[in-house]
Amino acid sequence: MGAHTGNSRCSPSTSTSRRRTRPPASSAAVAARRPSPTTKPISKDDAAEGGKARTKVCSRRRDMEVRKKMEVLRRLVPSGGGDDEVDELLLRAAGYIAQLQAQVTVMQFMVDVLEDTKH
């Protein structure tokens, strides 16, 4: 579908121009950030859980975007107001687009014929 408009954390690539850079830290600040011996280090499982939660949030956001776009499509396609399956809605939308293209072709032909009769 279209470009992703959500949070950049969902995207694997981030622009370097948007990254914040920190000034060099003093040795006291570095020592203050070190975990104390009683602090439990973050395990790989804990880090993986954080990644899974972020993926779940991104997945939900993507699902909401798709639902919104499908709702817009239901409003655009004639008799598309029901709770149709996605495949049925997309097939009906494709048929509607083909019908509109045929109408444009016929109208263009009519314009061409009318212009030729003027001369």
PDB file of N, CA and C in Angstrom:
ATOM      1  N   MET A   1       0.844  -1.173   0.000  1.00  0.00           N
ATOM      2  CA  MET A   1       0.000   0.000   0.000  1.00  0.00           C
ATOM      3  C   MET A   1       0.889   1.235   0.000  1.00  0.00           C
ATOM      4  N   GLY A   2       0.423   2.311   0.615  1.00  0.00           N
ATOM      5  CA  GLY A   2       1.184   3.532   0.570  1.00  0.00           C
ATOM      6  C   GLY A   2       2.342   3.546   1.533  1.00  0.00           C
ATOM      7  N   ALA A   3       2.964   4.712   1.650  1.00  0.00           N
ATOM      8  CA  ALA A   3       4.095   4.842   2.532  1.00  0.00           C
ATOM      9  C   ALA A   3       3.655   4.757   3.967  1.00  0.00           C
ATOM     10  N   HIS A   4       4.532   4.256   4.775  1.00  0.00           N
ATOM     11  CA  HIS A   4       4.234   4.109   6.184  1.00  0.00           C
ATOM     12  C   HIS A   4       4.275   5.479   6.832  1.00  0.00           C
ATOM     13  N   THR A   5       3.214   5.843   7.560  1.00  0.00           N
ATOM     14  CA  THR A   5       3.144   7.155   8.172  1.00  0.00           C
ATOM     15  C   THR A   5       3.305   7.092   9.673  1.00  0.00           C
ATOM     16  N   GLY A   6       3.593   5.915  10.191  1.00  0.00           N
ATOM     17  CA  GLY A   6       3.672   5.739  11.632  1.00  0.00           C
ATOM     18  C   GLY A   6       5.008   6.177  12.193  1.00  0.00           C
ATOM     19  N   ASN A   7       5.245   5.769  13.399  1.00  0.00           N
ATOM     20  CA  ASN A   7       6.434   6.110  14.133  1.00  0.00           C
ATOM     21  C   ASN A   7       7.660   5.513  13.462  1.00  0.00           C
ATOM     22  N   SER A   8       8.760   6.229  13.462  1.00  0.00           N
ATOM     23  CA  SER A   8       9.964   5.756  12.790  1.00  0.00           C
ATOM     24  C   SER A   8      10.569   4.548  13.487  1.00  0.00           C
ATOM     25  N   ARG A   9      10.212   4.275  14.744  1.00  0.00           N
ATOM     26  CA  ARG A   9      10.750   3.107  15.427  1.00  0.00           C
ATOM     27  C   ARG A   9      10.239   1.818  14.802  1.00  0.00           C
ATOM     28  N   CYS A  10       9.135   1.862  14.080  1.00  0.00           N
ATOM     29  CA  CYS A  10       8.596   0.674  13.430  1.00  0.00           C
ATOM     30  C   CYS A  10       9.394   0.331  12.188  1.00  0.00           C
ATOM     31  N   SER A  11      10.048   1.305  11.640  1.00  0.00           N
ATOM     32  CA  SER A  11      10.798   1.105  10.409  1.00  0.00           C
ATOM     33  C   SER A  11      12.217   0.674  10.751  1.00  0.00           C
ATOM     34  N   PRO A  12      12.742  -0.325  10.024  1.00  0.00           N
ATOM     35  CA  PRO A  12      14.100  -0.765  10.325  1.00  0.00           C
ATOM     36  C   PRO A  12      15.160   0.259   9.977  1.00  0.00           C
ATOM     37  N   SER A  13      14.884   1.153   9.043  1.00  0.00           N
ATOM     38  CA  SER A  13      15.883   2.146   8.665  1.00  0.00           C
ATOM     39  C   SER A  13      15.490   3.488   9.238  1.00  0.00           C
ATOM     40  N   THR A  14      16.444   4.142   9.848  1.00  0.00           N
ATOM     41  CA  THR A  14      16.190   5.481  10.366  1.00  0.00           C
ATOM     42  C   THR A  14      17.185   6.427   9.742  1.00  0.00           C
ATOM     43  N   SER A  15      16.745   7.615   9.521  1.00  0.00           N
ATOM     44  CA  SER A  15      17.590   8.614   8.893  1.00  0.00           C
ATOM     45  C   SER A  15      18.641   9.089   9.885  1.00  0.00           C
ATOM     46  N   THR A  16      19.867   9.225   9.428  1.00  0.00           N
ATOM     47  CA  THR A  16      20.919   9.703  10.318  1.00  0.00           C
ATOM     48  C   THR A  16      20.736  11.172  10.633  1.00  0.00           C
ATOM     49  N   SER A  17      20.013  11.896   9.803  1.00  0.00           N
ATOM     50  CA  SER A  17      19.817  13.310  10.071  1.00  0.00           C
ATOM     51  C   SER A  17      18.860  13.519  11.235  1.00  0.00           C
ATOM     52  N   ARG A  18      18.038  12.507  11.559  1.00  0.00           N
ATOM     53  CA  ARG A  18      17.098  12.654  12.651  1.00  0.00           C
ATOM     54  C   ARG A  18      17.651  12.112  13.966  1.00  0.00           C
ATOM     55  N   ARG A  19      18.794  11.463  13.926  1.00  0.00           N
ATOM     56  CA  ARG A  19      19.377  10.926  15.143  1.00  0.00           C
ATOM     57  C   ARG A  19      19.962  12.049  15.976  1.00  0.00           C
ATOM     58  N   ARG A  20      19.755  11.944  17.257  1.00  0.00           N
ATOM     59  CA  ARG A  20      20.332  12.942  18.150  1.00  0.00           C
ATOM     60  C   ARG A  20      21.723  12.493  18.551  1.00  0.00           C
ATOM     61  N   THR A  21      22.607  13.452  18.610  1.00  0.00           N
ATOM     62  CA  THR A  21      23.946  13.134  19.058  1.00  0.00           C
ATOM     63  C   THR A  21      24.145  13.747  20.424  1.00  0.00           C
ATOM     64  N   ARG A  22      24.809  13.007  21.281  1.00  0.00           N
ATOM     65  CA  ARG A  22      25.069  13.499  22.630  1.00  0.00           C
ATOM     66  C   ARG A  22      26.473  14.076  22.680  1.00  0.00           C
ATOM     67  N   PRO A  23      26.642  15.095  23.522  1.00  0.00           N
ATOM     68  CA  PRO A  23      27.999  15.590  23.718  1.00  0.00           C
ATOM     69  C   PRO A  23      28.794  14.543  24.489  1.00  0.00           C
ATOM     70  N   PRO A  24      30.104  14.548  24.384  1.00  0.00           N
ATOM     71  CA  PRO A  24      30.916  13.570  25.116  1.00  0.00           C
ATOM     72  C   PRO A  24      30.639  13.667  26.611  1.00  0.00           C
ATOM     73  N   ALA A  25      30.466  12.532  27.241  1.00  0.00           N
ATOM     74  CA  ALA A  25      30.149  12.509  28.665  1.00  0.00           C
ATOM     75  C   ALA A  25      31.416  12.597  29.499  1.00  0.00           C
ATOM     76  N   SER A  26      31.285  13.209  30.665  1.00  0.00           N
ATOM     77  CA  SER A  26      32.417  13.270  31.574  1.00  0.00           C
ATOM     78  C   SER A  26      32.576  11.916  32.254  1.00  0.00           C
ATOM     79  N   SER A  27      33.715  11.665  32.840  1.00  0.00           N
ATOM     80  CA  SER A  27      33.954  10.373  33.488  1.00  0.00           C
ATOM     81  C   SER A  27      33.019  10.171  34.672  1.00  0.00           C
ATOM     82  N   ALA A  28      32.614  11.243  35.346  1.00  0.00           N
ATOM     83  CA  ALA A  28      31.686  11.124  36.468  1.00  0.00           C
ATOM     84  C   ALA A  28      30.310  10.693  35.969  1.00  0.00           C
ATOM     85  N   ALA A  29      29.904  11.241  34.816  1.00  0.00           N
ATOM     86  CA  ALA A  29      28.601  10.876  34.259  1.00  0.00           C
ATOM     87  C   ALA A  29      28.602   9.438  33.792  1.00  0.00           C
ATOM     88  N   VAL A  30      29.721   8.973  33.232  1.00  0.00           N
ATOM     89  CA  VAL A  30      29.828   7.588  32.786  1.00  0.00           C
ATOM     90  C   VAL A  30      29.763   6.660  33.986  1.00  0.00           C
ATOM     91  N   ALA A  31      30.467   7.005  35.062  1.00  0.00           N
ATOM     92  CA  ALA A  31      30.458   6.180  36.269  1.00  0.00           C
ATOM     93  C   ALA A  31      29.060   6.131  36.875  1.00  0.00           C
ATOM     94  N   ALA A  32      28.318   7.235  36.797  1.00  0.00           N
ATOM     95  CA  ALA A  32      26.968   7.274  37.353  1.00  0.00           C
ATOM     96  C   ALA A  32      26.023   6.388  36.556  1.00  0.00           C
ATOM     97  N   ARG A  33      26.293   6.192  35.255  1.00  0.00           N
ATOM     98  CA  ARG A  33      25.416   5.369  34.424  1.00  0.00           C
ATOM     99  C   ARG A  33      25.710   3.887  34.543  1.00  0.00           C
ATOM    100  N   ARG A  34      26.856   3.520  35.091  1.00  0.00           N
ATOM    101  CA  ARG A  34      27.193   2.106  35.226  1.00  0.00           C
ATOM    102  C   ARG A  34      26.243   1.455  36.225  1.00  0.00           C
ATOM    103  N   PRO A  35      25.772   0.258  35.901  1.00  0.00           N
ATOM    104  CA  PRO A  35      24.881  -0.412  36.844  1.00  0.00           C
ATOM    105  C   PRO A  35      25.650  -0.822  38.098  1.00  0.00           C
ATOM    106  N   SER A  36      24.952  -0.756  39.211  1.00  0.00           N
ATOM    107  CA  SER A  36      25.576  -1.178  40.455  1.00  0.00           C
ATOM    108  C   SER A  36      25.653  -2.693  40.462  1.00  0.00           C
ATOM    109  N   PRO A  37      26.516  -3.268  41.283  1.00  0.00           N
ATOM    110  CA  PRO A  37      26.650  -4.729  41.303  1.00  0.00           C
ATOM    111  C   PRO A  37      25.347  -5.438  41.674  1.00  0.00           C
ATOM    112  N   THR A  38      24.447  -4.769  42.388  1.00  0.00           N
ATOM    113  CA  THR A  38      23.176  -5.401  42.771  1.00  0.00           C
ATOM    114  C   THR A  38      22.137  -5.316  41.670  1.00  0.00           C
ATOM    115  N   THR A  39      22.374  -4.494  40.653  1.00  0.00           N
ATOM    116  CA  THR A  39      21.427  -4.360  39.558  1.00  0.00           C
ATOM    117  C   THR A  39      21.541  -5.565  38.637  1.00  0.00           C
ATOM    118  N   LYS A  40      20.410  -6.152  38.330  1.00  0.00           N
ATOM    119  CA  LYS A  40      20.385  -7.321  37.454  1.00  0.00           C
ATOM    120  C   LYS A  40      20.606  -6.853  36.015  1.00  0.00           C
ATOM    121  N   PRO A  41      21.583  -7.424  35.310  1.00  0.00           N
ATOM    122  CA  PRO A  41      21.790  -7.032  33.910  1.00  0.00           C
ATOM    123  C   PRO A  41      20.614  -7.500  33.053  1.00  0.00           C
ATOM    124  N   ILE A  42      20.396  -6.794  31.955  1.00  0.00           N
ATOM    125  CA  ILE A  42      19.301  -7.137  31.054  1.00  0.00           C
ATOM    126  C   ILE A  42      19.689  -8.389  30.283  1.00  0.00           C
ATOM    127  N   SER A  43      18.842  -9.393  30.375  1.00  0.00           N
ATOM    128  CA  SER A  43      19.126 -10.645  29.681  1.00  0.00           C
ATOM    129  C   SER A  43      18.669 -10.548  28.232  1.00  0.00           C
ATOM    130  N   LYS A  44      19.096 -11.509  27.427  1.00  0.00           N
ATOM    131  CA  LYS A  44      18.677 -11.549  26.025  1.00  0.00           C
ATOM    132  C   LYS A  44      17.170 -11.761  25.927  1.00  0.00           C
ATOM    133  N   ASP A  45      16.609 -12.546  26.861  1.00  0.00           N
ATOM    134  CA  ASP A  45      15.162 -12.788  26.853  1.00  0.00           C
ATOM    135  C   ASP A  45      14.394 -11.506  27.115  1.00  0.00           C
ATOM    136  N   ASP A  46      14.893 -10.700  28.090  1.00  0.00           N
ATOM    137  CA  ASP A  46      14.236  -9.426  28.384  1.00  0.00           C
ATOM    138  C   ASP A  46      14.307  -8.488  27.182  1.00  0.00           C
ATOM    139  N   ALA A  47      15.455  -8.454  26.526  1.00  0.00           N
ATOM    140  CA  ALA A  47      15.612  -7.602  25.343  1.00  0.00           C
ATOM    141  C   ALA A  47      14.707  -8.088  24.220  1.00  0.00           C
ATOM    142  N   ALA A  48      14.580  -9.407  24.067  1.00  0.00           N
ATOM    143  CA  ALA A  48      13.711  -9.960  23.024  1.00  0.00           C
ATOM    144  C   ALA A  48      12.254  -9.624  23.312  1.00  0.00           C
ATOM    145  N   GLU A  49      11.851  -9.661  24.573  1.00  0.00           N
ATOM    146  CA  GLU A  49      10.468  -9.304  24.937  1.00  0.00           C
ATOM    147  C   GLU A  49      10.166  -7.863  24.564  1.00  0.00           C
ATOM    148  N   GLY A  50      11.139  -6.961  24.782  1.00  0.00           N
ATOM    149  CA  GLY A  50      10.956  -5.555  24.404  1.00  0.00           C
ATOM    150  C   GLY A  50      10.786  -5.416  22.905  1.00  0.00           C
ATOM    151  N   GLY A  51      11.560  -6.186  22.136  1.00  0.00           N
ATOM    152  CA  GLY A  51      11.442  -6.151  20.675  1.00  0.00           C
ATOM    153  C   GLY A  51      10.111  -6.706  20.212  1.00  0.00           C
ATOM    154  N   LYS A  52       9.644  -7.779  20.873  1.00  0.00           N
ATOM    155  CA  LYS A  52       8.346  -8.364  20.513  1.00  0.00           C
ATOM    156  C   LYS A  52       7.220  -7.393  20.798  1.00  0.00           C
ATOM    157  N   ALA A  53       7.307  -6.689  21.927  1.00  0.00           N
ATOM    158  CA  ALA A  53       6.259  -5.718  22.267  1.00  0.00           C
ATOM    159  C   ALA A  53       6.220  -4.590  21.241  1.00  0.00           C
ATOM    160  N   ARG A  54       7.400  -4.130  20.825  1.00  0.00           N
ATOM    161  CA  ARG A  54       7.462  -3.049  19.839  1.00  0.00           C
ATOM    162  C   ARG A  54       6.901  -3.537  18.505  1.00  0.00           C
ATOM    163  N   THR A  55       7.231  -4.785  18.129  1.00  0.00           N
ATOM    164  CA  THR A  55       6.714  -5.355  16.887  1.00  0.00           C
ATOM    165  C   THR A  55       5.204  -5.488  16.947  1.00  0.00           C
ATOM    166  N   LYS A  56       4.684  -5.867  18.107  1.00  0.00           N
ATOM    167  CA  LYS A  56       3.244  -6.014  18.277  1.00  0.00           C
ATOM    168  C   LYS A  56       2.538  -4.664  18.116  1.00  0.00           C
ATOM    169  N   VAL A  57       3.127  -3.613  18.673  1.00  0.00           N
ATOM    170  CA  VAL A  57       2.554  -2.273  18.555  1.00  0.00           C
ATOM    171  C   VAL A  57       2.562  -1.836  17.091  1.00  0.00           C
ATOM    172  N   CYS A  58       3.670  -2.075  16.395  1.00  0.00           N
ATOM    173  CA  CYS A  58       3.766  -1.701  14.979  1.00  0.00           C
ATOM    174  C   CYS A  58       2.764  -2.493  14.150  1.00  0.00           C
ATOM    175  N   SER A  59       2.593  -3.758  14.486  1.00  0.00           N
ATOM    176  CA  SER A  59       1.631  -4.599  13.769  1.00  0.00           C
ATOM    177  C   SER A  59       0.209  -4.085  13.964  1.00  0.00           C
ATOM    178  N   ARG A  60      -0.123  -3.716  15.201  1.00  0.00           N
ATOM    179  CA  ARG A  60      -1.462  -3.164  15.459  1.00  0.00           C
ATOM    180  C   ARG A  60      -1.677  -1.863  14.706  1.00  0.00           C
ATOM    181  N   ARG A  61      -0.645  -1.013  14.672  1.00  0.00           N
ATOM    182  CA  ARG A  61      -0.758   0.272  13.970  1.00  0.00           C
ATOM    183  C   ARG A  61      -0.978   0.032  12.473  1.00  0.00           C
ATOM    184  N   ARG A  62      -0.235  -0.933  11.918  1.00  0.00           N
ATOM    185  CA  ARG A  62      -0.374  -1.270  10.505  1.00  0.00           C
ATOM    186  C   ARG A  62      -1.776  -1.821  10.222  1.00  0.00           C
ATOM    187  N   ASP A  63      -2.276  -2.672  11.122  1.00  0.00           N
ATOM    188  CA  ASP A  63      -3.631  -3.215  10.956  1.00  0.00           C
ATOM    189  C   ASP A  63      -4.679  -2.104  10.975  1.00  0.00           C
ATOM    190  N   MET A  64      -4.512  -1.126  11.860  1.00  0.00           N
ATOM    191  CA  MET A  64      -5.459  -0.007  11.928  1.00  0.00           C
ATOM    192  C   MET A  64      -5.419   0.810  10.641  1.00  0.00           C
ATOM    193  N   GLU A  65      -4.233   1.026  10.096  1.00  0.00           N
ATOM    194  CA  GLU A  65      -4.116   1.781   8.848  1.00  0.00           C
ATOM    195  C   GLU A  65      -4.814   1.041   7.709  1.00  0.00           C
ATOM    196  N   VAL A  66      -4.629  -0.277   7.653  1.00  0.00           N
ATOM    197  CA  VAL A  66      -5.271  -1.069   6.598  1.00  0.00           C
ATOM    198  C   VAL A  66      -6.780  -1.026   6.769  1.00  0.00           C
ATOM    199  N   ARG A  67      -7.263  -1.149   8.008  1.00  0.00           N
ATOM    200  CA  ARG A  67      -8.721  -1.088   8.241  1.00  0.00           C
ATOM    201  C   ARG A  67      -9.309   0.253   7.785  1.00  0.00           C
ATOM    202  N   LYS A  68      -8.605   1.346   8.092  1.00  0.00           N
ATOM    203  CA  LYS A  68      -9.079   2.671   7.674  1.00  0.00           C
ATOM    204  C   LYS A  68      -9.147   2.772   6.153  1.00  0.00           C
ATOM    205  N   LYS A  69      -8.113   2.273   5.478  1.00  0.00           N
ATOM    206  CA  LYS A  69      -8.080   2.339   4.012  1.00  0.00           C
ATOM    207  C   LYS A  69      -9.169   1.461   3.400  1.00  0.00           C
ATOM    208  N   MET A  70      -9.419   0.307   4.001  1.00  0.00           N
ATOM    209  CA  MET A  70     -10.482  -0.567   3.508  1.00  0.00           C
ATOM    210  C   MET A  70     -11.842   0.092   3.702  1.00  0.00           C
ATOM    211  N   GLU A  71     -12.021   0.804   4.792  1.00  0.00           N
ATOM    212  CA  GLU A  71     -13.289   1.498   5.028  1.00  0.00           C
ATOM    213  C   GLU A  71     -13.499   2.597   3.981  1.00  0.00           C
ATOM    214  N   VAL A  72     -12.442   3.314   3.640  1.00  0.00           N
ATOM    215  CA  VAL A  72     -12.533   4.333   2.584  1.00  0.00           C
ATOM    216  C   VAL A  72     -12.897   3.668   1.260  1.00  0.00           C
ATOM    217  N   LEU A  73     -12.288   2.538   0.963  1.00  0.00           N
ATOM    218  CA  LEU A  73     -12.586   1.823  -0.274  1.00  0.00           C
ATOM    219  C   LEU A  73     -14.038   1.354  -0.298  1.00  0.00           C
ATOM    220  N   ARG A  74     -14.556   0.896   0.839  1.00  0.00           N
ATOM    221  CA  ARG A  74     -15.966   0.475   0.908  1.00  0.00           C
ATOM    222  C   ARG A  74     -16.899   1.631   0.582  1.00  0.00           C
ATOM    223  N   ARG A  75     -16.514   2.843   1.029  1.00  0.00           N
ATOM    224  CA  ARG A  75     -17.368   4.012   0.738  1.00  0.00           C
ATOM    225  C   ARG A  75     -17.276   4.426  -0.727  1.00  0.00           C
ATOM    226  N   LEU A  76     -16.131   4.206  -1.369  1.00  0.00           N
ATOM    227  CA  LEU A  76     -15.941   4.620  -2.762  1.00  0.00           C
ATOM    228  C   LEU A  76     -16.584   3.678  -3.771  1.00  0.00           C
ATOM    229  N   VAL A  77     -16.540   2.385  -3.480  1.00  0.00           N
ATOM    230  CA  VAL A  77     -17.057   1.397  -4.425  1.00  0.00           C
ATOM    231  C   VAL A  77     -18.564   1.278  -4.228  1.00  0.00           C
ATOM    232  N   PRO A  78     -19.343   1.400  -5.326  1.00  0.00           N
ATOM    233  CA  PRO A  78     -20.798   1.263  -5.194  1.00  0.00           C
ATOM    234  C   PRO A  78     -21.175  -0.083  -4.592  1.00  0.00           C
ATOM    235  N   SER A  79     -22.181  -0.056  -3.751  1.00  0.00           N
ATOM    236  CA  SER A  79     -22.688  -1.211  -2.998  1.00  0.00           C
ATOM    237  C   SER A  79     -21.582  -1.880  -2.210  1.00  0.00           C
ATOM    238  N   GLY A  80     -20.646  -1.076  -1.759  1.00  0.00           N
ATOM    239  CA  GLY A  80     -19.547  -1.600  -0.967  1.00  0.00           C
ATOM    240  C   GLY A  80     -19.708  -1.290   0.502  1.00  0.00           C
ATOM    241  N   GLY A  81     -20.906  -1.033   0.952  1.00  0.00           N
ATOM    242  CA  GLY A  81     -21.124  -0.650   2.335  1.00  0.00           C
ATOM    243  C   GLY A  81     -21.187  -1.804   3.302  1.00  0.00           C
ATOM    244  N   GLY A  82     -21.311  -3.031   2.817  1.00  0.00           N
ATOM    245  CA  GLY A  82     -21.443  -4.184   3.694  1.00  0.00           C
ATOM    246  C   GLY A  82     -20.118  -4.624   4.281  1.00  0.00           C
ATOM    247  N   ASP A  83     -20.203  -5.627   5.137  1.00  0.00           N
ATOM    248  CA  ASP A  83     -18.988  -6.206   5.722  1.00  0.00           C
ATOM    249  C   ASP A  83     -18.506  -7.344   4.852  1.00  0.00           C
ATOM    250  N   ASP A  84     -17.962  -7.009   3.692  1.00  0.00           N
ATOM    251  CA  ASP A  84     -17.484  -8.004   2.748  1.00  0.00           C
ATOM    252  C   ASP A  84     -16.097  -8.476   3.144  1.00  0.00           C
ATOM    253  N   GLU A  85     -15.755  -9.619   2.630  1.00  0.00           N
ATOM    254  CA  GLU A  85     -14.392 -10.100   2.768  1.00  0.00           C
ATOM    255  C   GLU A  85     -13.481  -9.197   1.944  1.00  0.00           C
ATOM    256  N   VAL A  86     -12.229  -9.150   2.309  1.00  0.00           N
ATOM    257  CA  VAL A  86     -11.267  -8.285   1.632  1.00  0.00           C
ATOM    258  C   VAL A  86     -11.169  -8.653   0.155  1.00  0.00           C
ATOM    259  N   ASP A  87     -11.090  -9.953  -0.141  1.00  0.00           N
ATOM    260  CA  ASP A  87     -10.966 -10.386  -1.539  1.00  0.00           C
ATOM    261  C   ASP A  87     -12.154  -9.922  -2.374  1.00  0.00           C
ATOM    262  N   GLU A  88     -13.360 -10.066  -1.824  1.00  0.00           N
ATOM    263  CA  GLU A  88     -14.564  -9.668  -2.560  1.00  0.00           C
ATOM    264  C   GLU A  88     -14.577  -8.167  -2.804  1.00  0.00           C
ATOM    265  N   LEU A  89     -14.201  -7.388  -1.787  1.00  0.00           N
ATOM    266  CA  LEU A  89     -14.172  -5.933  -1.932  1.00  0.00           C
ATOM    267  C   LEU A  89     -13.151  -5.514  -2.981  1.00  0.00           C
ATOM    268  N   LEU A  90     -11.972  -6.127  -2.957  1.00  0.00           N
ATOM    269  CA  LEU A  90     -10.944  -5.766  -3.929  1.00  0.00           C
ATOM    270  C   LEU A  90     -11.345  -6.153  -5.349  1.00  0.00           C
ATOM    271  N   LEU A  91     -11.994  -7.301  -5.507  1.00  0.00           N
ATOM    272  CA  LEU A  91     -12.472  -7.697  -6.842  1.00  0.00           C
ATOM    273  C   LEU A  91     -13.545  -6.735  -7.345  1.00  0.00           C
ATOM    274  N   ARG A  92     -14.450  -6.346  -6.453  1.00  0.00           N
ATOM    275  CA  ARG A  92     -15.492  -5.400  -6.854  1.00  0.00           C
ATOM    276  C   ARG A  92     -14.889  -4.043  -7.199  1.00  0.00           C
ATOM    277  N   ALA A  93     -13.861  -3.620  -6.451  1.00  0.00           N
ATOM    278  CA  ALA A  93     -13.183  -2.351  -6.738  1.00  0.00           C
ATOM    279  C   ALA A  93     -12.485  -2.417  -8.094  1.00  0.00           C
ATOM    280  N   ALA A  94     -11.855  -3.557  -8.394  1.00  0.00           N
ATOM    281  CA  ALA A  94     -11.185  -3.713  -9.690  1.00  0.00           C
ATOM    282  C   ALA A  94     -12.199  -3.649 -10.832  1.00  0.00           C
ATOM    283  N   GLY A  95     -13.354  -4.279 -10.658  1.00  0.00           N
ATOM    284  CA  GLY A  95     -14.411  -4.210 -11.676  1.00  0.00           C
ATOM    285  C   GLY A  95     -14.926  -2.795 -11.866  1.00  0.00           C
ATOM    286  N   TYR A  96     -15.068  -2.080 -10.755  1.00  0.00           N
ATOM    287  CA  TYR A  96     -15.542  -0.696 -10.818  1.00  0.00           C
ATOM    288  C   TYR A  96     -14.533   0.186 -11.544  1.00  0.00           C
ATOM    289  N   ILE A  97     -13.261  -0.021 -11.301  1.00  0.00           N
ATOM    290  CA  ILE A  97     -12.218   0.751 -11.990  1.00  0.00           C
ATOM    291  C   ILE A  97     -12.250   0.464 -13.486  1.00  0.00           C
ATOM    292  N   ALA A  98     -12.423  -0.801 -13.860  1.00  0.00           N
ATOM    293  CA  ALA A  98     -12.518  -1.157 -15.282  1.00  0.00           C
ATOM    294  C   ALA A  98     -13.731  -0.496 -15.926  1.00  0.00           C
ATOM    295  N   GLN A  99     -14.847  -0.451 -15.189  1.00  0.00           N
ATOM    296  CA  GLN A  99     -16.062   0.198 -15.711  1.00  0.00           C
ATOM    297  C   GLN A  99     -15.825   1.696 -15.914  1.00  0.00           C
ATOM    298  N   LEU A 100     -15.166   2.331 -14.961  1.00  0.00           N
ATOM    299  CA  LEU A 100     -14.874   3.761 -15.096  1.00  0.00           C
ATOM    300  C   LEU A 100     -13.935   4.026 -16.270  1.00  0.00           C
ATOM    301  N   GLN A 101     -12.953   3.155 -16.467  1.00  0.00           N
ATOM    302  CA  GLN A 101     -12.043   3.316 -17.604  1.00  0.00           C
ATOM    303  C   GLN A 101     -12.793   3.188 -18.927  1.00  0.00           C
ATOM    304  N   ALA A 102     -13.745   2.268 -18.999  1.00  0.00           N
ATOM    305  CA  ALA A 102     -14.543   2.105 -20.218  1.00  0.00           C
ATOM    306  C   ALA A 102     -15.388   3.352 -20.471  1.00  0.00           C
ATOM    307  N   GLN A 103     -15.962   3.913 -19.420  1.00  0.00           N
ATOM    308  CA  GLN A 103     -16.767   5.138 -19.576  1.00  0.00           C
ATOM    309  C   GLN A 103     -15.904   6.285 -20.088  1.00  0.00           C
ATOM    310  N   VAL A 104     -14.702   6.418 -19.563  1.00  0.00           N
ATOM    311  CA  VAL A 104     -13.803   7.483 -20.013  1.00  0.00           C
ATOM    312  C   VAL A 104     -13.451   7.283 -21.484  1.00  0.00           C
ATOM    313  N   THR A 105     -13.206   6.044 -21.887  1.00  0.00           N
ATOM    314  CA  THR A 105     -12.876   5.750 -23.287  1.00  0.00           C
ATOM    315  C   THR A 105     -14.032   6.129 -24.199  1.00  0.00           C
ATOM    316  N   VAL A 106     -15.261   5.764 -23.806  1.00  0.00           N
ATOM    317  CA  VAL A 106     -16.439   6.095 -24.616  1.00  0.00           C
ATOM    318  C   VAL A 106     -16.625   7.599 -24.695  1.00  0.00           C
ATOM    319  N   MET A 107     -16.470   8.304 -23.574  1.00  0.00           N
ATOM    320  CA  MET A 107     -16.633   9.767 -23.574  1.00  0.00           C
ATOM    321  C   MET A 107     -15.571  10.433 -24.434  1.00  0.00           C
ATOM    322  N   GLN A 108     -14.335   9.933 -24.384  1.00  0.00           N
ATOM    323  CA  GLN A 108     -13.278  10.502 -25.215  1.00  0.00           C
ATOM    324  C   GLN A 108     -13.581  10.284 -26.693  1.00  0.00           C
ATOM    325  N   PHE A 109     -14.113   9.107 -27.036  1.00  0.00           N
ATOM    326  CA  PHE A 109     -14.508   8.825 -28.409  1.00  0.00           C
ATOM    327  C   PHE A 109     -15.607   9.793 -28.853  1.00  0.00           C
ATOM    328  N   MET A 110     -16.588  10.039 -27.964  1.00  0.00           N
ATOM    329  CA  MET A 110     -17.673  10.970 -28.290  1.00  0.00           C
ATOM    330  C   MET A 110     -17.135  12.377 -28.518  1.00  0.00           C
ATOM    331  N   VAL A 111     -16.190  12.806 -27.693  1.00  0.00           N
ATOM    332  CA  VAL A 111     -15.597  14.132 -27.863  1.00  0.00           C
ATOM    333  C   VAL A 111     -14.866  14.210 -29.197  1.00  0.00           C
ATOM    334  N   ASP A 112     -14.117  13.168 -29.527  1.00  0.00           N
ATOM    335  CA  ASP A 112     -13.392  13.151 -30.793  1.00  0.00           C
ATOM    336  C   ASP A 112     -14.350  13.219 -31.976  1.00  0.00           C
ATOM    337  N   VAL A 113     -15.448  12.468 -31.934  1.00  0.00           N
ATOM    338  CA  VAL A 113     -16.420  12.479 -33.016  1.00  0.00           C
ATOM    339  C   VAL A 113     -17.072  13.849 -33.139  1.00  0.00           C
ATOM    340  N   LEU A 114     -17.454  14.440 -32.015  1.00  0.00           N
ATOM    341  CA  LEU A 114     -18.094  15.752 -32.063  1.00  0.00           C
ATOM    342  C   LEU A 114     -17.145  16.829 -32.580  1.00  0.00           C
ATOM    343  N   GLU A 115     -15.880  16.753 -32.243  1.00  0.00           N
ATOM    344  CA  GLU A 115     -14.899  17.723 -32.744  1.00  0.00           C
ATOM    345  C   GLU A 115     -14.699  17.560 -34.242  1.00  0.00           C
ATOM    346  N   ASP A 116     -14.730  16.334 -34.751  1.00  0.00           N
ATOM    347  CA  ASP A 116     -14.554  16.081 -36.181  1.00  0.00           C
ATOM    348  C   ASP A 116     -15.762  16.586 -36.975  1.00  0.00           C
ATOM    349  N   THR A 117     -16.950  16.544 -36.385  1.00  0.00           N
ATOM    350  CA  THR A 117     -18.141  17.015 -37.099  1.00  0.00           C
ATOM    351  C   THR A 117     -18.195  18.515 -37.165  1.00  0.00           C
ATOM    352  N   LYS A 118     -17.500  19.231 -36.300  1.00  0.00           N
ATOM    353  CA  LYS A 118     -17.462  20.700 -36.322  1.00  0.00           C
ATOM    354  C   LYS A 118     -16.664  21.197 -37.510  1.00  0.00           C
ATOM    355  N   HIS A 119     -15.680  20.492 -37.938  1.00  0.00           N
ATOM    356  CA  HIS A 119     -14.763  20.969 -38.985  1.00  0.00           C
ATOM    357  C   HIS A 119     -15.317  20.697 -40.327  1.00  0.00           C
TER     358      HIS A 119
END
